[in-house]
């Protein structure tokens, strides 16, 4: 499963500064529960923007109107010399 974290839309973009500080605190304090940060798990997410979305994967830049991220269970195989 993918762990998905996002900041809900706010009328004032400066409010995201508080949300980001909550996100940092949640990683530092064991039982801290942020009020302005959302979490969920999913096998696939689809991100669609009003304009092209710029993103980077493994050092390569891409741009598209839609970004689909999904997992393929059991697709990673590790070989150990022994």
N, C-alpha and C. Protein backbone atom coordinates (compact mmCIF):
# COMPACT_ATOMS: atom_id res chain seq x y z
N UNK A 1 0.83 -1.18 0.00
CA UNK A 1 0.00 0.00 0.00
C UNK A 1 0.88 1.26 0.00
N UNK A 2 0.40 2.29 -0.64
CA UNK A 2 1.07 3.59 -0.64
C UNK A 2 0.59 4.38 0.58
N UNK A 3 1.49 4.98 1.31
CA UNK A 3 1.14 5.92 2.37
C UNK A 3 1.02 7.29 1.73
N UNK A 4 -0.16 7.89 1.80
CA UNK A 4 -0.42 9.18 1.15
C UNK A 4 -0.67 10.24 2.21
N UNK A 5 0.06 11.34 2.11
CA UNK A 5 -0.09 12.47 3.02
C UNK A 5 -0.32 13.72 2.18
N UNK A 6 -1.31 14.53 2.58
CA UNK A 6 -1.56 15.77 1.85
C UNK A 6 -2.10 16.85 2.76
N UNK A 7 -1.96 18.07 2.30
CA UNK A 7 -2.49 19.23 3.01
C UNK A 7 -3.78 19.65 2.31
N UNK A 8 -4.90 19.69 3.03
CA UNK A 8 -6.16 20.12 2.40
C UNK A 8 -6.07 21.56 1.89
N UNK A 9 -6.85 21.90 0.87
CA UNK A 9 -6.83 23.28 0.35
C UNK A 9 -7.23 24.29 1.43
N UNK A 10 -6.59 25.45 1.38
CA UNK A 10 -6.89 26.54 2.31
C UNK A 10 -7.12 27.81 1.51
N UNK A 11 -7.96 28.71 2.04
CA UNK A 11 -8.20 29.99 1.38
C UNK A 11 -6.94 30.84 1.36
N UNK A 12 -6.21 30.82 2.48
CA UNK A 12 -4.98 31.60 2.59
C UNK A 12 -3.79 30.64 2.50
N UNK A 13 -2.97 30.75 1.44
CA UNK A 13 -1.82 29.85 1.29
C UNK A 13 -0.86 29.88 2.48
N UNK A 14 -0.83 30.99 3.23
CA UNK A 14 0.06 31.07 4.39
C UNK A 14 -0.33 30.08 5.49
N UNK A 15 -1.58 29.62 5.48
CA UNK A 15 -2.02 28.63 6.45
C UNK A 15 -1.27 27.31 6.29
N UNK A 16 -0.73 27.07 5.11
CA UNK A 16 0.02 25.83 4.88
C UNK A 16 1.31 25.80 5.70
N UNK A 17 1.82 26.95 6.08
CA UNK A 17 3.03 26.98 6.93
C UNK A 17 2.74 26.28 8.25
N UNK A 18 1.58 26.57 8.83
CA UNK A 18 1.17 25.90 10.08
C UNK A 18 0.99 24.41 9.84
N UNK A 19 0.36 24.02 8.73
CA UNK A 19 0.16 22.61 8.41
C UNK A 19 1.48 21.88 8.25
N UNK A 20 2.45 22.54 7.60
CA UNK A 20 3.77 21.92 7.42
C UNK A 20 4.47 21.73 8.77
N UNK A 21 4.31 22.70 9.67
CA UNK A 21 4.93 22.55 10.99
C UNK A 21 4.27 21.40 11.75
N UNK A 22 2.96 21.23 11.58
CA UNK A 22 2.28 20.08 12.19
C UNK A 22 2.82 18.77 11.63
N UNK A 23 3.07 18.74 10.35
CA UNK A 23 3.61 17.55 9.71
C UNK A 23 4.98 17.20 10.29
N UNK A 24 5.82 18.19 10.48
CA UNK A 24 7.14 17.98 11.08
C UNK A 24 6.99 17.46 12.51
N UNK A 25 6.11 18.08 13.28
CA UNK A 25 5.90 17.67 14.68
C UNK A 25 5.42 16.23 14.77
N UNK A 26 4.59 15.80 13.82
CA UNK A 26 4.07 14.43 13.86
C UNK A 26 5.19 13.41 13.68
N UNK A 27 6.27 13.81 13.02
CA UNK A 27 7.42 12.92 12.86
C UNK A 27 8.36 12.94 14.05
N UNK A 28 8.25 13.96 14.89
CA UNK A 28 9.15 14.10 16.03
C UNK A 28 8.53 13.67 17.35
N UNK A 29 7.22 13.82 17.48
CA UNK A 29 6.54 13.52 18.73
C UNK A 29 5.62 12.32 18.50
N UNK A 30 5.82 11.25 19.27
CA UNK A 30 5.16 9.97 19.05
C UNK A 30 3.63 10.06 18.90
N UNK A 31 2.94 10.67 19.83
CA UNK A 31 1.48 10.67 19.83
C UNK A 31 0.86 11.97 19.31
N UNK A 32 1.64 12.80 18.63
CA UNK A 32 1.12 14.07 18.10
C UNK A 32 0.20 13.79 16.92
N UNK A 33 -1.01 14.34 16.95
CA UNK A 33 -1.98 14.16 15.88
C UNK A 33 -2.27 15.50 15.20
N UNK A 34 -1.72 15.73 14.01
CA UNK A 34 -1.96 17.00 13.31
C UNK A 34 -3.43 17.18 12.95
N UNK A 35 -3.92 18.40 13.07
CA UNK A 35 -5.31 18.70 12.73
C UNK A 35 -5.48 19.10 11.27
N UNK A 36 -4.42 19.58 10.64
CA UNK A 36 -4.51 20.12 9.28
C UNK A 36 -3.74 19.31 8.25
N UNK A 37 -3.52 18.03 8.55
CA UNK A 37 -2.81 17.14 7.63
C UNK A 37 -3.67 15.88 7.47
N UNK A 38 -3.84 15.43 6.25
CA UNK A 38 -4.66 14.24 5.97
C UNK A 38 -3.76 13.07 5.60
N UNK A 39 -4.20 11.87 5.95
CA UNK A 39 -3.46 10.63 5.65
C UNK A 39 -4.43 9.57 5.14
N UNK A 40 -3.93 8.71 4.27
CA UNK A 40 -4.68 7.53 3.86
C UNK A 40 -3.71 6.54 3.23
N UNK A 41 -4.19 5.37 2.91
CA UNK A 41 -3.41 4.36 2.19
C UNK A 41 -4.20 3.98 0.95
N UNK A 42 -3.48 3.65 -0.12
CA UNK A 42 -4.15 3.27 -1.36
C UNK A 42 -3.21 2.42 -2.21
N UNK A 43 -3.79 1.68 -3.13
CA UNK A 43 -3.00 0.91 -4.09
C UNK A 43 -2.68 1.74 -5.33
N UNK A 44 -3.50 2.80 -5.55
CA UNK A 44 -3.32 3.62 -6.74
C UNK A 44 -3.84 5.02 -6.45
N UNK A 45 -3.12 6.04 -6.95
CA UNK A 45 -3.62 7.41 -6.87
C UNK A 45 -3.55 8.04 -8.26
N UNK A 46 -4.48 8.93 -8.51
CA UNK A 46 -4.57 9.62 -9.79
C UNK A 46 -4.61 11.11 -9.49
N UNK A 47 -3.61 11.86 -9.98
CA UNK A 47 -3.53 13.30 -9.74
C UNK A 47 -3.80 14.01 -11.07
N UNK A 48 -4.80 14.88 -11.06
CA UNK A 48 -5.16 15.62 -12.27
C UNK A 48 -5.10 17.11 -11.93
N UNK A 49 -4.48 17.90 -12.81
CA UNK A 49 -4.36 19.33 -12.58
C UNK A 49 -5.07 20.15 -13.64
N UNK A 50 -5.26 21.44 -13.35
CA UNK A 50 -5.85 22.35 -14.32
C UNK A 50 -4.88 22.65 -15.46
N UNK A 51 -3.60 22.48 -15.17
CA UNK A 51 -2.56 22.65 -16.18
C UNK A 51 -1.58 21.48 -16.02
N UNK A 52 -0.58 21.43 -16.88
CA UNK A 52 0.38 20.33 -16.82
C UNK A 52 1.08 20.27 -15.46
N UNK A 53 1.32 19.07 -14.98
CA UNK A 53 1.99 18.82 -13.72
C UNK A 53 3.44 18.47 -14.03
N UNK A 54 4.38 19.21 -13.45
CA UNK A 54 5.80 18.89 -13.58
C UNK A 54 6.19 17.97 -12.44
N UNK A 55 6.89 16.89 -12.74
CA UNK A 55 7.34 15.96 -11.71
C UNK A 55 8.65 15.31 -12.12
N UNK A 56 9.32 14.73 -11.15
CA UNK A 56 10.63 14.09 -11.37
C UNK A 56 10.57 12.68 -10.84
N UNK A 57 11.02 11.72 -11.65
CA UNK A 57 11.13 10.33 -11.23
C UNK A 57 12.56 9.87 -11.51
N UNK A 58 13.24 9.45 -10.46
CA UNK A 58 14.60 8.92 -10.58
C UNK A 58 15.51 9.88 -11.34
N UNK A 59 15.37 11.17 -11.07
CA UNK A 59 16.24 12.18 -11.67
C UNK A 59 15.83 12.66 -13.04
N UNK A 60 14.77 12.10 -13.61
CA UNK A 60 14.30 12.53 -14.93
C UNK A 60 13.04 13.37 -14.79
N UNK A 61 12.99 14.50 -15.51
CA UNK A 61 11.85 15.41 -15.43
C UNK A 61 10.79 15.02 -16.45
N UNK A 62 9.53 15.14 -16.03
CA UNK A 62 8.38 14.85 -16.88
C UNK A 62 7.33 15.93 -16.68
N UNK A 63 6.37 16.00 -17.61
CA UNK A 63 5.26 16.95 -17.50
C UNK A 63 4.06 16.33 -18.19
N UNK A 64 2.90 16.35 -17.52
CA UNK A 64 1.69 15.78 -18.11
C UNK A 64 0.46 16.36 -17.41
N UNK A 65 -0.71 16.20 -18.03
CA UNK A 65 -1.95 16.68 -17.42
C UNK A 65 -2.42 15.78 -16.29
N UNK A 66 -1.95 14.52 -16.29
CA UNK A 66 -2.40 13.53 -15.32
C UNK A 66 -1.22 12.68 -14.85
N UNK A 67 -1.20 12.37 -13.58
CA UNK A 67 -0.15 11.55 -13.01
C UNK A 67 -0.82 10.39 -12.28
N UNK A 68 -0.51 9.16 -12.69
CA UNK A 68 -1.06 7.96 -12.06
C UNK A 68 0.09 7.21 -11.39
N UNK A 69 -0.08 6.96 -10.09
CA UNK A 69 0.92 6.24 -9.32
C UNK A 69 0.25 4.99 -8.76
N UNK A 70 0.84 3.83 -9.01
CA UNK A 70 0.26 2.59 -8.52
C UNK A 70 1.37 1.64 -8.07
N UNK A 71 0.96 0.64 -7.32
CA UNK A 71 1.92 -0.36 -6.87
C UNK A 71 1.62 -1.69 -7.56
N UNK A 72 2.64 -2.51 -7.68
CA UNK A 72 2.49 -3.86 -8.19
C UNK A 72 2.99 -4.79 -7.10
N UNK A 73 2.07 -5.41 -6.36
CA UNK A 73 2.50 -6.28 -5.26
C UNK A 73 3.45 -7.39 -5.71
N UNK A 74 4.42 -7.68 -4.87
CA UNK A 74 5.39 -8.76 -5.09
C UNK A 74 6.21 -8.57 -6.36
N UNK A 75 6.42 -7.32 -6.80
CA UNK A 75 7.16 -7.09 -8.04
C UNK A 75 8.66 -6.89 -7.80
N UNK A 76 9.07 -6.75 -6.55
CA UNK A 76 10.48 -6.57 -6.23
C UNK A 76 11.08 -7.92 -5.81
N UNK A 77 12.07 -8.36 -6.56
CA UNK A 77 12.74 -9.62 -6.25
C UNK A 77 14.18 -9.32 -5.85
N UNK A 78 14.61 -9.87 -4.74
CA UNK A 78 15.97 -9.64 -4.23
C UNK A 78 16.72 -10.96 -4.26
N UNK A 79 17.88 -10.93 -4.89
CA UNK A 79 18.73 -12.12 -4.96
C UNK A 79 19.94 -11.91 -4.05
N UNK A 80 20.26 -12.91 -3.26
CA UNK A 80 21.37 -12.83 -2.33
C UNK A 80 22.35 -13.94 -2.69
N UNK A 81 23.61 -13.54 -2.88
CA UNK A 81 24.64 -14.56 -3.12
C UNK A 81 24.92 -15.29 -1.82
N UNK A 82 25.02 -16.59 -1.89
CA UNK A 82 25.24 -17.30 -0.63
C UNK A 82 26.05 -18.54 -0.75
